[in-house]
Protein backbone atom coordinates (compact mmCIF):
# COMPACT_ATOMS: atom_id res chain seq x y z
CA SER A 1 25.26 88.97 110.08
CA TRP A 2 24.80 85.73 112.06
CA ILE A 3 27.16 83.12 113.45
CA LEU A 4 26.07 79.58 114.23
CA ALA A 5 28.20 77.58 116.66
CA ALA A 6 27.85 74.27 119.00
CA SER A 7 28.55 74.54 122.76
CA SER A 8 28.48 71.15 123.70
CA ALA A 9 28.54 67.79 122.18
CA CYS A 10 27.94 64.16 122.86
CA ILE A 11 28.46 60.61 121.49
CA LEU A 12 25.66 58.49 119.88
CA PRO A 13 24.90 55.32 120.38
CA GLY A 14 27.71 53.02 118.62
CA ASP A 15 31.18 53.06 118.20
CA ILE A 16 32.96 55.22 115.83
CA PRO A 17 34.22 54.11 112.83
CA TRP A 18 38.36 53.71 112.31
CA ALA A 19 38.53 56.42 109.60
CA LEU A 20 37.16 58.78 111.41
CA ARG A 21 38.19 58.41 114.51
CA PRO A 22 41.73 60.56 113.60
CA ALA A 23 38.98 63.25 113.01
CA TRP A 24 37.15 63.18 116.74
CA ALA A 25 40.30 62.37 117.90
CA ALA A 26 41.77 66.35 116.49
CA GLU A 27 37.64 68.09 117.10
CA THR A 28 38.48 66.44 120.54
CA VAL A 29 41.76 68.27 121.20
CA ARG A 30 40.19 72.01 119.82
CA ARG A 31 37.14 71.47 121.88
CA SER A 32 39.13 71.40 124.65
CA MET A 33 41.70 74.27 123.78
CA GLU A 34 38.28 76.20 123.23
CA ASP A 35 37.27 75.15 126.63
CA ARG A 36 40.50 76.19 128.43
CA PHE A 37 41.03 79.98 127.40
CA ARG A 38 37.21 80.64 128.03
CA GLN A 39 38.20 79.29 131.59
CA ALA A 40 41.51 80.64 131.82
CA LEU A 41 41.15 84.19 130.13
CA PRO A 42 38.08 87.03 129.66
CA MET A 43 36.03 86.65 127.22
CA GLU A 44 37.70 89.25 124.36
CA GLU A 45 41.13 87.40 125.64
CA ALA A 46 40.18 84.00 124.69
CA ALA A 47 38.17 84.99 121.38
CA LEU A 48 41.42 86.87 120.88
CA LEU A 49 43.47 83.59 121.26
CA THR A 50 40.83 81.20 119.87
CA GLY A 51 41.70 82.94 116.66
CA LEU A 52 45.21 83.18 116.99
CA VAL A 53 45.63 79.70 117.83
CA MET A 54 42.71 77.64 115.62
CA GLY A 55 41.57 80.77 113.39
CA TYR A 56 38.00 81.04 114.47
CA ARG A 57 37.84 84.66 116.31
CA SER A 58 34.26 84.44 118.30
CA PRO A 59 32.43 88.09 117.92
CA MET A 60 34.42 90.70 119.57
CA ASP A 61 33.90 94.25 119.82
CA ARG A 62 32.86 96.04 117.22
CA GLY A 63 35.91 98.95 117.45
CA LEU A 64 38.23 95.85 118.57
CA THR A 65 37.28 94.23 115.31
CA ARG A 66 37.29 97.09 113.22
CA ALA A 67 40.81 98.28 114.23
CA ILE A 68 42.32 94.54 113.52
CA GLN A 69 41.21 95.00 109.88
CA ASP A 70 42.43 98.65 109.63
CA ALA A 71 45.61 97.64 110.63
CA GLY A 72 45.99 95.17 108.50
CA VAL A 73 46.29 92.12 110.98
CA MET A 74 43.02 90.10 110.31
CA HIS A 75 44.45 87.75 108.59
CA LEU A 76 46.08 86.86 111.67
CA LEU A 77 42.80 85.39 113.36
CA VAL A 78 41.03 83.57 110.49
CA PRO A 79 42.61 80.35 108.96
CA SER A 80 46.10 81.30 107.57
CA GLY A 81 48.36 79.02 106.11
CA ALA A 82 51.16 80.93 109.14
CA LYS A 83 49.60 78.80 112.00
CA VAL A 84 50.76 75.44 110.05
CA ALA A 85 54.10 77.10 109.10
CA PHE A 86 54.93 77.80 113.00
CA VAL A 87 53.19 74.39 114.08
CA TRP A 88 55.83 72.44 110.97
CA LEU A 89 58.86 74.63 112.67
CA SER A 90 58.04 74.09 115.96
CA ALA A 91 58.40 70.08 115.20
CA VAL A 92 61.05 70.33 113.31
CA GLY A 93 63.01 72.14 115.63
CA LEU A 94 61.90 69.87 118.50
CA GLY A 95 63.40 66.84 116.22
CA LEU A 96 66.27 68.50 115.89
CA ALA A 97 66.90 69.29 119.56
CA LEU A 98 66.53 64.91 120.07
CA GLY A 99 69.00 64.70 117.82
CA LEU A 100 66.26 62.89 114.99
CA PRO A 101 67.31 62.11 111.73
CA PRO A 102 66.49 64.02 108.67
CA GLY A 103 63.59 61.16 107.28
CA ALA A 104 62.72 61.33 111.42
CA ARG A 105 62.77 64.31 111.92
CA PHE A 106 60.02 65.11 108.23
CA GLY A 107 57.53 62.59 109.84
CA ALA A 108 57.07 64.00 112.63
CA ALA A 109 56.68 67.26 111.61
CA ALA A 110 54.04 65.90 108.80
CA LEU A 111 52.18 64.11 111.54
CA VAL A 112 52.04 66.84 114.05
CA ALA A 113 50.98 69.51 111.04
CA GLY A 114 48.62 66.93 109.60
CA PHE A 115 47.24 66.50 112.92
CA TYR A 116 47.10 70.50 113.67
CA THR A 117 45.38 70.85 110.30
CA LEU A 118 42.59 67.85 110.79
CA MET A 119 42.22 70.09 114.24
CA VAL A 120 41.11 73.15 112.53
CA GLY A 121 39.08 72.24 109.72
CA GLY A 122 41.50 71.13 107.07
CA ASP A 123 40.15 74.79 105.31
CA ALA A 124 42.06 75.88 101.89
CA PRO A 125 44.98 77.88 104.05
CA TYR A 126 45.38 75.17 106.08
CA ALA A 127 45.77 72.00 103.26
CA ARG A 128 47.46 74.35 101.25
CA ALA A 129 50.82 75.04 103.79
CA PHE A 130 50.81 71.29 105.03
CA LEU A 131 50.21 69.91 101.51
CA GLY A 132 52.94 72.71 100.29
CA ALA A 133 55.57 71.91 103.61
CA VAL A 134 55.15 67.86 102.77
CA ILE A 135 56.10 68.33 98.72
CA LEU A 136 58.61 70.63 99.50
CA ALA A 137 60.24 69.26 102.73
CA GLY A 138 59.87 65.67 100.91
CA GLY A 139 61.41 66.12 97.44
CA ARG A 140 64.50 67.54 99.69
CA LEU A 141 64.42 64.60 101.74
CA LEU A 142 64.24 62.09 98.73
CA GLY A 143 66.97 64.71 96.83
CA ARG A 144 64.89 65.99 94.32
CA GLU A 145 64.43 69.19 92.64
CA SER A 146 62.40 70.97 95.22
CA GLY A 147 60.66 73.98 94.29
CA GLY A 148 58.14 76.57 95.36
CA PHE A 149 56.33 77.41 92.04
CA GLN A 150 55.31 73.37 91.55
CA ALA A 151 54.47 72.80 95.29
CA LEU A 152 52.19 75.75 95.06
CA VAL A 153 50.71 74.26 91.79
CA LEU A 154 50.75 70.62 92.64
CA SER A 155 48.70 72.00 95.82
CA ALA A 156 46.03 73.84 94.79
CA ALA A 157 45.22 70.65 91.79
CA LEU A 158 45.05 68.27 95.06
CA LEU A 159 42.87 70.83 96.70
CA LEU A 160 40.25 70.83 93.88
CA ILE A 161 40.39 67.47 92.64
CA VAL A 162 39.06 66.99 96.22
CA GLU A 163 36.22 70.15 96.39
CA PRO A 164 36.38 72.03 93.00
CA ARG A 165 33.98 74.53 94.55
CA GLU A 166 37.39 75.79 96.77
CA LEU A 167 37.67 77.52 93.58
CA PHE A 168 35.03 79.98 94.49
CA GLY A 169 35.91 80.71 98.07
CA ALA A 170 37.51 83.28 99.56
CA GLY A 171 39.94 81.38 101.55
CA PHE A 172 41.47 79.82 98.86
CA GLN A 173 41.25 83.02 96.36
CA MET A 174 43.49 84.88 98.80
CA THR A 175 45.75 81.93 100.00
CA TYR A 176 46.73 81.57 96.88
CA LEU A 177 46.63 84.40 95.66
CA ALA A 178 48.91 85.99 98.55
CA VAL A 179 51.47 82.85 98.31
CA GLY A 180 51.19 82.95 94.38
CA GLY A 181 52.63 86.94 94.54
CA LEU A 182 55.39 85.60 97.17
CA VAL A 183 56.61 82.81 94.83
CA LEU A 184 57.07 84.98 92.41
CA VAL A 185 58.53 88.22 93.98
CA MET A 186 60.68 86.71 96.82
CA PRO A 187 63.21 85.27 95.18
CA SER A 188 64.29 89.07 93.30
CA VAL A 189 63.89 90.67 96.38
CA SER A 190 66.65 88.33 98.14
CA ALA A 191 68.09 88.43 95.33
CA ALA A 192 68.29 91.69 94.84
CA LEU A 193 69.60 92.84 98.76
CA PRO A 194 73.18 92.93 99.14
CA ARG A 195 75.19 90.21 100.28
CA GLY A 196 77.05 92.84 103.28
CA TRP A 197 74.09 94.17 104.76
CA PRO A 198 73.54 92.30 108.76
CA ARG A 199 71.61 89.96 109.07
CA TRP A 200 68.31 91.76 111.16
CA ALA A 201 68.56 94.82 108.12
CA ARG A 202 68.04 92.29 105.26
CA HIS A 203 64.98 89.83 107.30
CA GLY A 204 63.37 92.90 108.18
CA LEU A 205 63.03 93.97 104.82
CA GLN A 206 62.48 90.86 103.64
CA LEU A 207 59.10 90.61 106.35
CA GLY A 208 58.16 94.37 105.32
CA ALA A 209 58.49 93.16 101.47
CA VAL A 210 56.57 89.81 102.37
CA GLY A 211 53.76 91.87 103.87
CA ALA A 212 53.94 94.70 100.75
CA VAL A 213 53.63 91.78 98.25
CA VAL A 214 50.61 89.94 99.76
CA GLN A 215 49.03 93.52 100.09
CA LEU A 216 49.10 94.54 96.38
CA MET A 217 47.80 90.92 95.77
CA LEU A 218 44.82 90.86 97.50
CA TRP A 219 43.59 94.15 97.77
CA PRO A 220 40.66 92.81 95.04
CA THR A 221 39.69 90.64 97.39
CA PHE A 222 40.17 92.96 99.81
CA ALA A 223 37.31 95.13 98.30
CA ALA A 224 35.45 92.75 96.92
CA TYR A 225 34.92 90.67 100.24
CA PHE A 226 35.54 93.46 103.06
CA GLY A 227 34.99 96.84 101.10
CA ARG A 228 37.88 97.97 103.15
CA GLY A 229 41.59 97.82 103.13
CA SER A 230 44.55 98.50 105.05
CA LEU A 231 47.60 100.74 104.18
CA ILE A 232 49.35 100.55 107.07
CA GLY A 233 49.29 97.14 107.00
CA PRO A 234 52.81 95.98 105.71
CA LEU A 235 54.31 97.79 108.67
CA ALA A 236 51.91 96.08 111.37
CA ASN A 237 52.42 92.71 109.71
CA MET A 238 56.51 93.19 110.01
CA LEU A 239 55.44 93.06 113.94
CA LEU A 240 52.63 91.21 114.39
CA VAL A 241 53.23 87.83 112.15
CA PRO A 242 56.31 86.45 114.28
CA TYR A 243 54.58 87.84 117.42
CA SER A 244 51.38 85.43 116.29
CA GLY A 245 54.05 82.88 116.56
CA VAL A 246 54.97 83.88 119.66
CA LEU A 247 51.32 83.67 120.83
CA MET A 248 50.49 80.47 119.12
CA ALA A 249 53.42 78.96 121.98
CA GLY A 250 51.70 80.63 124.73
CA GLY A 251 48.03 79.60 123.64
CA PHE A 252 49.29 75.63 123.72
CA SER A 253 51.42 76.40 126.63
CA LEU A 254 48.06 77.76 128.79
CA TRP A 255 46.34 74.40 126.96
CA ALA A 256 48.60 72.14 128.27
CA GLY A 257 49.45 73.91 131.78
CA GLY A 258 45.90 73.48 132.87
CA ALA A 259 47.11 69.92 133.75
CA LEU A 260 49.52 70.55 136.22
CA PRO A 261 49.11 71.69 139.43
CA GLU A 262 48.56 75.27 141.12
CA PRO A 263 50.14 78.67 140.88
CA VAL A 264 51.03 77.62 137.52
CA PRO A 265 48.07 77.67 135.42
CA GLY A 266 47.17 81.21 136.81
CA LEU A 267 50.81 82.14 136.50
CA LEU A 268 50.47 80.99 132.74
CA ALA A 269 47.35 82.52 131.94
CA ALA A 270 47.98 85.61 133.50
CA VAL A 271 51.34 85.96 131.37
CA VAL A 272 48.98 85.34 128.11
CA ALA A 273 46.25 87.19 128.61
CA GLU A 274 49.29 90.49 129.04
CA ALA A 275 50.98 89.31 125.69
CA LEU A 276 46.89 89.61 124.24
CA ARG A 277 46.80 93.30 125.60
CA TRP A 278 49.98 94.23 124.07
CA PHE A 279 48.48 92.28 120.83
CA ARG A 280 45.32 94.71 120.80
CA GLU A 281 47.25 97.89 122.19
CA ALA A 282 49.23 97.18 118.80
CA CYS A 283 46.40 96.79 116.95
CA LEU A 284 44.36 99.49 118.09
CA PHE A 285 47.64 102.09 117.86
CA PHE A 286 48.55 101.01 113.63
CA ALA A 287 45.21 101.54 113.26
CA ALA A 288 44.66 104.97 114.62
CA VAL A 289 47.75 106.51 112.24
CA PRO A 290 45.98 108.54 109.99
CA GLY A 291 44.99 106.96 106.92
CA ALA A 292 46.02 103.34 108.09
CA ALA A 293 42.89 102.06 106.16
CA VAL A 294 40.42 103.06 103.33
CA ASP A 295 37.08 101.82 101.40
CA ALA A 296 37.21 100.23 98.39
CA ALA A 297 34.73 99.40 95.79
CA PRO A 298 34.81 95.94 94.27
CA PHE A 299 36.77 96.17 90.84
CA SER A 300 34.90 95.65 87.71
CA PRO A 301 36.18 92.26 85.26
CA TRP A 302 38.74 94.38 83.61
CA GLY A 303 39.35 96.74 86.23
CA LEU A 304 40.51 93.21 87.76
CA ALA A 305 42.24 92.41 84.50
CA ALA A 306 43.91 95.72 84.95
CA TYR A 307 45.16 95.54 88.20
CA TYR A 308 46.35 92.56 87.86
CA LEU A 309 48.33 92.71 84.61
CA ALA A 310 49.93 96.50 86.47
CA ALA A 311 50.79 94.72 89.39
CA PHE A 312 53.14 91.02 87.98
CA ALA A 313 54.35 94.43 85.25
CA VAL A 314 55.47 95.98 88.87
């Protein structure tokens, strides 16, 4: 396979139309972040961080790529709604810390997460998460009934109205299969956990259930697109999904800290490089567990129907 990427860009003569200026600003920030990561980190760490922060993974060592896939966490390095969720929640948290009223917090979160969604290309997983957050939070702000299923369906409808071909794309299929399964299953899982259990135990089991449901819903797509699926993925995701939020924060800090005087940029680069080493070692550890991943053949149409009927029955 081949990856085509632009290493430089220039402005053609003439003014940028106002309608395109937000997209140009977002693209400028994205390229600035990529440049900063390449300057501050070794090549492989820069590739990892770019994938974790912005969903674009440049070529890496083949063994590490296979280990990340077998650990079941490749979704952390490609377009993912979880990235938008981390950005949205960070903006909300900052608004709370500043004492902003609910309406201002909603506006700030929508503005920051919308700019991030534009910055990373607005692929279906990003757009689904952003639209879902706006619909859910906006409904709650207006005092209207706000449901995850309704937000899921409405966001899918909006995406398909703009671009119907998304229905046949891997990103659209995987993000809506995964979140659709979570919307169906997680309320029952949460209700079944005893209220008397410690919060850490409840949250840990909920996180494990999220990984298991996502893996169950996406197995046919893993087979169709990658020919391989991870069995240890739910366990690895319990650790590495929250940790990916920490690494995203580290990436933004590394970018923003580049403008500060030394030794701050150097210290930030060293901390982020060490944190990425832990991520890499964790992926290699999970991938080395016997039976961590298996080869999978694409499903026939009848097999696909039978699989999802069985999954929904469970």
